[in-house]
Amino acid sequence: MFDCDPVEVVERQLQAFQAGDLNAFVAMYAPDAVVSDFPGTPVMTGHDEMRAGYASSFTDRQFTLTLGERIANGQFVIDEEIIAVGGVEMMRAVVIYQVEGCTIARSWILPDAGEGQ
């Protein structure tokens, strides 16, 4: 069915982010992974774009990411992620991860439910 547990892959990616390890974070994604907004406009494709796109989040250690809720269904893992700066919650986002071959092949970032309300 799966080469590895999709939840473990996504969890290792989250732990790498929390540890401030950009290389370990990017390594959890397939070399041609696509990070998209929802419903599907690509924001970043591949490791080079991901390193550039996420670099500031890893250098600013006031920026934190924690897990709210998690749902798993086959190769898909859906996380509610809580983003804070300096300990103050700034937003919550829902991220859908699609895991293939022990790496994240694709992710979709849904905007904060409070945006635009």
N, C-alpha and C. Protein backbone atom coordinates (compact mmCIF):
# COMPACT_ATOMS: atom_id res chain seq x y z
N MET A 1 0.82 -1.19 0.00
CA MET A 1 0.00 0.00 0.00
C MET A 1 0.87 1.26 0.00
N PHE A 2 1.59 1.55 1.11
CA PHE A 2 2.48 2.70 1.20
C PHE A 2 3.86 2.23 1.60
N ASP A 3 4.89 2.89 1.10
CA ASP A 3 6.25 2.56 1.48
C ASP A 3 6.54 2.95 2.93
N CYS A 4 5.85 3.97 3.39
CA CYS A 4 6.03 4.44 4.76
C CYS A 4 4.75 5.14 5.20
N ASP A 5 4.69 5.49 6.45
CA ASP A 5 3.50 6.11 7.03
C ASP A 5 3.43 7.59 6.63
N PRO A 6 2.41 8.00 5.86
CA PRO A 6 2.31 9.41 5.46
C PRO A 6 2.28 10.37 6.65
N VAL A 7 1.67 9.97 7.76
CA VAL A 7 1.64 10.83 8.94
C VAL A 7 3.05 11.07 9.46
N GLU A 8 3.88 10.02 9.46
CA GLU A 8 5.26 10.16 9.93
C GLU A 8 6.06 11.10 9.01
N VAL A 9 5.83 11.02 7.72
CA VAL A 9 6.53 11.90 6.77
C VAL A 9 6.17 13.36 7.07
N VAL A 10 4.89 13.64 7.22
CA VAL A 10 4.44 15.01 7.49
C VAL A 10 4.93 15.46 8.86
N GLU A 11 4.91 14.58 9.84
CA GLU A 11 5.40 14.92 11.18
C GLU A 11 6.89 15.25 11.15
N ARG A 12 7.68 14.49 10.43
CA ARG A 12 9.12 14.77 10.33
C ARG A 12 9.36 16.13 9.66
N GLN A 13 8.55 16.48 8.69
CA GLN A 13 8.64 17.79 8.04
C GLN A 13 8.33 18.89 9.04
N LEU A 14 7.30 18.71 9.86
CA LEU A 14 6.94 19.69 10.89
C LEU A 14 8.06 19.82 11.93
N GLN A 15 8.62 18.70 12.36
CA GLN A 15 9.70 18.73 13.34
C GLN A 15 10.93 19.44 12.78
N ALA A 16 11.23 19.23 11.50
CA ALA A 16 12.37 19.93 10.88
C ALA A 16 12.12 21.43 10.87
N PHE A 17 10.89 21.83 10.58
CA PHE A 17 10.55 23.26 10.59
C PHE A 17 10.73 23.81 12.00
N GLN A 18 10.19 23.11 12.99
CA GLN A 18 10.28 23.58 14.37
C GLN A 18 11.74 23.65 14.85
N ALA A 19 12.59 22.77 14.34
CA ALA A 19 14.00 22.76 14.72
C ALA A 19 14.82 23.80 13.95
N GLY A 20 14.22 24.44 12.96
CA GLY A 20 14.93 25.44 12.18
C GLY A 20 15.89 24.84 11.17
N ASP A 21 15.62 23.61 10.73
CA ASP A 21 16.51 22.90 9.80
C ASP A 21 15.90 22.91 8.40
N LEU A 22 16.24 23.93 7.64
CA LEU A 22 15.68 24.10 6.29
C LEU A 22 16.00 22.91 5.39
N ASN A 23 17.22 22.41 5.44
CA ASN A 23 17.59 21.28 4.57
C ASN A 23 16.79 20.03 4.91
N ALA A 24 16.61 19.72 6.18
CA ALA A 24 15.81 18.56 6.58
C ALA A 24 14.36 18.76 6.19
N PHE A 25 13.86 19.98 6.33
CA PHE A 25 12.49 20.30 5.94
C PHE A 25 12.28 20.04 4.45
N VAL A 26 13.14 20.60 3.62
CA VAL A 26 13.02 20.45 2.17
C VAL A 26 13.20 18.99 1.76
N ALA A 27 14.05 18.26 2.45
CA ALA A 27 14.31 16.85 2.12
C ALA A 27 13.06 15.98 2.27
N MET A 28 12.08 16.43 3.03
CA MET A 28 10.85 15.65 3.20
C MET A 28 9.93 15.80 1.99
N TYR A 29 10.28 16.67 1.07
CA TYR A 29 9.51 16.89 -0.16
C TYR A 29 10.20 16.22 -1.33
N ALA A 30 9.42 15.75 -2.28
CA ALA A 30 9.98 15.20 -3.52
C ALA A 30 10.73 16.31 -4.25
N PRO A 31 11.77 15.96 -5.02
CA PRO A 31 12.53 16.99 -5.74
C PRO A 31 11.67 17.86 -6.66
N ASP A 32 10.57 17.32 -7.14
CA ASP A 32 9.68 18.08 -8.04
C ASP A 32 8.35 18.42 -7.36
N ALA A 33 8.34 18.45 -6.03
CA ALA A 33 7.11 18.73 -5.28
C ALA A 33 6.54 20.09 -5.67
N VAL A 34 5.22 20.18 -5.56
CA VAL A 34 4.52 21.42 -5.86
C VAL A 34 3.78 21.88 -4.61
N VAL A 35 4.04 23.11 -4.20
CA VAL A 35 3.32 23.75 -3.10
C VAL A 35 2.38 24.75 -3.75
N SER A 36 1.08 24.59 -3.48
CA SER A 36 0.07 25.43 -4.13
C SER A 36 -0.81 26.11 -3.09
N ASP A 37 -1.41 27.21 -3.52
CA ASP A 37 -2.48 27.75 -2.71
C ASP A 37 -3.71 26.90 -3.04
N PHE A 38 -4.84 27.20 -2.44
CA PHE A 38 -6.04 26.45 -2.75
C PHE A 38 -6.96 27.35 -3.56
N PRO A 39 -7.43 26.90 -4.69
CA PRO A 39 -7.63 25.53 -5.10
C PRO A 39 -6.50 24.89 -5.91
N GLY A 40 -5.43 25.58 -6.20
CA GLY A 40 -4.36 24.87 -6.89
C GLY A 40 -3.38 25.69 -7.70
N THR A 41 -3.25 26.97 -7.43
CA THR A 41 -2.27 27.77 -8.13
C THR A 41 -0.89 27.51 -7.53
N PRO A 42 0.07 26.98 -8.31
CA PRO A 42 1.40 26.70 -7.76
C PRO A 42 2.07 27.96 -7.22
N VAL A 43 2.66 27.83 -6.03
CA VAL A 43 3.40 28.91 -5.39
C VAL A 43 4.89 28.63 -5.48
N MET A 44 5.26 27.35 -5.28
CA MET A 44 6.66 26.92 -5.36
C MET A 44 6.69 25.52 -5.97
N THR A 45 7.72 25.28 -6.78
CA THR A 45 7.91 23.95 -7.37
C THR A 45 9.37 23.56 -7.20
N GLY A 46 9.61 22.42 -6.59
CA GLY A 46 10.97 21.90 -6.45
C GLY A 46 11.73 22.47 -5.27
N HIS A 47 12.82 21.80 -4.97
CA HIS A 47 13.62 22.14 -3.79
C HIS A 47 14.21 23.54 -3.83
N ASP A 48 14.71 23.99 -4.97
CA ASP A 48 15.34 25.32 -5.03
C ASP A 48 14.34 26.42 -4.70
N GLU A 49 13.15 26.35 -5.30
CA GLU A 49 12.13 27.36 -5.03
C GLU A 49 11.65 27.28 -3.58
N MET A 50 11.58 26.06 -3.04
CA MET A 50 11.17 25.91 -1.64
C MET A 50 12.20 26.52 -0.69
N ARG A 51 13.48 26.25 -0.95
CA ARG A 51 14.53 26.84 -0.09
C ARG A 51 14.43 28.38 -0.11
N ALA A 52 14.28 28.94 -1.29
CA ALA A 52 14.18 30.40 -1.41
C ALA A 52 12.88 30.91 -0.76
N GLY A 53 11.80 30.22 -0.99
CA GLY A 53 10.50 30.67 -0.48
C GLY A 53 10.36 30.58 1.03
N TYR A 54 10.98 29.57 1.63
CA TYR A 54 10.86 29.36 3.07
C TYR A 54 12.04 29.92 3.86
N ALA A 55 13.08 30.40 3.21
CA ALA A 55 14.31 30.82 3.90
C ALA A 55 14.06 31.79 5.04
N SER A 56 13.24 32.81 4.82
CA SER A 56 13.03 33.81 5.86
C SER A 56 12.32 33.22 7.08
N SER A 57 11.48 32.23 6.88
CA SER A 57 10.80 31.58 8.00
C SER A 57 11.78 30.82 8.88
N PHE A 58 12.89 30.38 8.29
CA PHE A 58 13.88 29.64 9.05
C PHE A 58 14.92 30.55 9.70
N THR A 59 15.12 31.73 9.17
CA THR A 59 16.09 32.64 9.77
C THR A 59 15.47 33.48 10.88
N ASP A 60 14.17 33.71 10.82
CA ASP A 60 13.47 34.48 11.85
C ASP A 60 12.94 33.50 12.89
N ARG A 61 13.70 33.29 13.96
CA ARG A 61 13.30 32.30 14.96
C ARG A 61 12.17 32.79 15.86
N GLN A 62 11.68 34.01 15.65
CA GLN A 62 10.49 34.48 16.34
C GLN A 62 9.23 33.88 15.72
N PHE A 63 9.39 33.35 14.51
CA PHE A 63 8.31 32.75 13.74
C PHE A 63 8.19 31.29 14.16
N THR A 64 7.02 30.88 14.67
CA THR A 64 6.83 29.49 15.08
C THR A 64 5.63 28.89 14.38
N LEU A 65 5.67 27.59 14.28
CA LEU A 65 4.61 26.82 13.65
C LEU A 65 4.30 25.63 14.54
N THR A 66 3.05 25.51 14.94
CA THR A 66 2.64 24.38 15.76
C THR A 66 1.43 23.71 15.13
N LEU A 67 1.23 22.47 15.52
CA LEU A 67 0.13 21.68 14.99
C LEU A 67 -1.11 21.88 15.85
N GLY A 68 -2.23 22.17 15.18
CA GLY A 68 -3.52 22.22 15.85
C GLY A 68 -4.14 20.83 15.79
N GLU A 69 -4.84 20.55 14.72
CA GLU A 69 -5.50 19.25 14.50
C GLU A 69 -4.85 18.56 13.31
N ARG A 70 -4.99 17.23 13.27
CA ARG A 70 -4.46 16.46 12.13
C ARG A 70 -5.46 15.36 11.77
N ILE A 71 -5.69 15.20 10.48
CA ILE A 71 -6.54 14.14 9.95
C ILE A 71 -5.72 13.40 8.90
N ALA A 72 -5.78 12.08 8.92
CA ALA A 72 -5.06 11.28 7.91
C ALA A 72 -6.06 10.39 7.19
N ASN A 73 -5.88 10.29 5.87
CA ASN A 73 -6.72 9.43 5.05
C ASN A 73 -5.86 8.92 3.91
N GLY A 74 -5.36 7.70 4.03
CA GLY A 74 -4.51 7.13 2.99
C GLY A 74 -3.25 7.95 2.82
N GLN A 75 -2.99 8.37 1.59
CA GLN A 75 -1.78 9.13 1.32
C GLN A 75 -1.92 10.62 1.62
N PHE A 76 -3.08 11.04 2.10
CA PHE A 76 -3.33 12.45 2.40
C PHE A 76 -3.31 12.69 3.91
N VAL A 77 -2.65 13.78 4.29
CA VAL A 77 -2.61 14.23 5.68
C VAL A 77 -3.04 15.68 5.67
N ILE A 78 -3.99 16.01 6.53
CA ILE A 78 -4.52 17.37 6.60
C ILE A 78 -4.18 17.93 7.97
N ASP A 79 -3.43 19.01 7.98
CA ASP A 79 -3.01 19.64 9.23
C ASP A 79 -3.60 21.03 9.36
N GLU A 80 -4.02 21.36 10.57
CA GLU A 80 -4.29 22.75 10.93
C GLU A 80 -3.00 23.24 11.55
N GLU A 81 -2.41 24.28 10.97
CA GLU A 81 -1.14 24.80 11.45
C GLU A 81 -1.34 26.19 12.03
N ILE A 82 -0.76 26.40 13.19
CA ILE A 82 -0.89 27.66 13.91
C ILE A 82 0.43 28.41 13.78
N ILE A 83 0.35 29.58 13.18
CA ILE A 83 1.55 30.39 12.92
C ILE A 83 1.55 31.54 13.93
N ALA A 84 2.68 31.69 14.62
CA ALA A 84 2.83 32.76 15.60
C ALA A 84 4.14 33.49 15.36
N VAL A 85 4.17 34.76 15.74
CA VAL A 85 5.38 35.57 15.68
C VAL A 85 5.57 36.17 17.07
N GLY A 86 6.74 35.89 17.64
CA GLY A 86 7.01 36.39 18.98
C GLY A 86 6.03 35.89 20.01
N GLY A 87 5.49 34.70 19.80
CA GLY A 87 4.55 34.10 20.74
C GLY A 87 3.11 34.55 20.57
N VAL A 88 2.85 35.42 19.59
CA VAL A 88 1.50 35.91 19.35
C VAL A 88 0.95 35.23 18.09
N GLU A 89 -0.18 34.53 18.25
CA GLU A 89 -0.77 33.85 17.11
C GLU A 89 -1.18 34.87 16.04
N MET A 90 -0.68 34.63 14.83
CA MET A 90 -0.97 35.52 13.71
C MET A 90 -2.06 34.96 12.80
N MET A 91 -2.03 33.63 12.62
CA MET A 91 -3.04 33.02 11.75
C MET A 91 -3.04 31.52 11.92
N ARG A 92 -4.08 30.91 11.40
CA ARG A 92 -4.19 29.46 11.30
C ARG A 92 -4.42 29.14 9.84
N ALA A 93 -3.78 28.10 9.40
CA ALA A 93 -3.95 27.66 8.02
C ALA A 93 -4.20 26.16 8.01
N VAL A 94 -4.86 25.70 6.99
CA VAL A 94 -5.05 24.27 6.78
C VAL A 94 -4.17 23.89 5.59
N VAL A 95 -3.37 22.84 5.78
CA VAL A 95 -2.49 22.38 4.71
C VAL A 95 -2.82 20.93 4.43
N ILE A 96 -3.05 20.63 3.16
CA ILE A 96 -3.30 19.25 2.73
C ILE A 96 -2.02 18.76 2.09
N TYR A 97 -1.49 17.66 2.62
CA TYR A 97 -0.26 17.06 2.10
C TYR A 97 -0.61 15.76 1.38
N GLN A 98 -0.01 15.55 0.22
CA GLN A 98 -0.13 14.28 -0.49
C GLN A 98 1.25 13.62 -0.47
N VAL A 99 1.33 12.45 0.16
CA VAL A 99 2.60 11.75 0.34
C VAL A 99 2.68 10.60 -0.66
N GLU A 100 3.79 10.56 -1.39
CA GLU A 100 4.06 9.48 -2.33
C GLU A 100 5.52 9.07 -2.18
N GLY A 101 5.76 7.77 -2.07
CA GLY A 101 7.15 7.29 -2.00
C GLY A 101 7.96 7.88 -0.87
N CYS A 102 7.37 8.07 0.28
CA CYS A 102 8.03 8.57 1.50
C CYS A 102 8.46 10.03 1.43
N THR A 103 7.91 10.79 0.50
CA THR A 103 8.13 12.23 0.47
C THR A 103 6.79 12.92 0.17
N ILE A 104 6.75 14.19 0.45
CA ILE A 104 5.56 14.98 0.15
C ILE A 104 5.64 15.37 -1.32
N ALA A 105 4.68 14.91 -2.10
CA ALA A 105 4.67 15.19 -3.53
C ALA A 105 3.98 16.51 -3.84
N ARG A 106 2.99 16.84 -3.02
CA ARG A 106 2.21 18.03 -3.29
C ARG A 106 1.59 18.51 -1.99
N SER A 107 1.45 19.81 -1.85
CA SER A 107 0.70 20.36 -0.72
C SER A 107 -0.13 21.54 -1.20
N TRP A 108 -1.26 21.69 -0.54
CA TRP A 108 -2.18 22.80 -0.83
C TRP A 108 -2.37 23.57 0.46
N ILE A 109 -2.16 24.86 0.41
CA ILE A 109 -2.30 25.71 1.60
C ILE A 109 -3.60 26.49 1.48
N LEU A 110 -4.52 26.23 2.41
CA LEU A 110 -5.78 26.94 2.45
C LEU A 110 -5.61 28.16 3.32
N PRO A 111 -6.15 29.29 2.93
CA PRO A 111 -5.97 30.51 3.73
C PRO A 111 -6.66 30.41 5.08
N ASP A 112 -6.24 31.27 5.98
CA ASP A 112 -6.82 31.40 7.30
C ASP A 112 -8.34 31.58 7.14
N ALA A 113 -9.12 30.81 7.87
CA ALA A 113 -10.58 30.89 7.77
C ALA A 113 -11.08 32.26 8.17
N GLY A 114 -10.31 33.01 8.96
CA GLY A 114 -10.73 34.33 9.39
C GLY A 114 -10.47 35.43 8.38
N GLU A 115 -9.69 35.13 7.32
CA GLU A 115 -9.36 36.15 6.33
C GLU A 115 -10.62 36.56 5.58
N GLY A 116 -10.76 37.85 5.37
CA GLY A 116 -11.85 38.37 4.56
C GLY A 116 -13.19 38.39 5.28
N GLN A 117 -13.22 38.11 6.57
CA GLN A 117 -14.49 38.12 7.30
C GLN A 117 -14.61 39.38 8.10
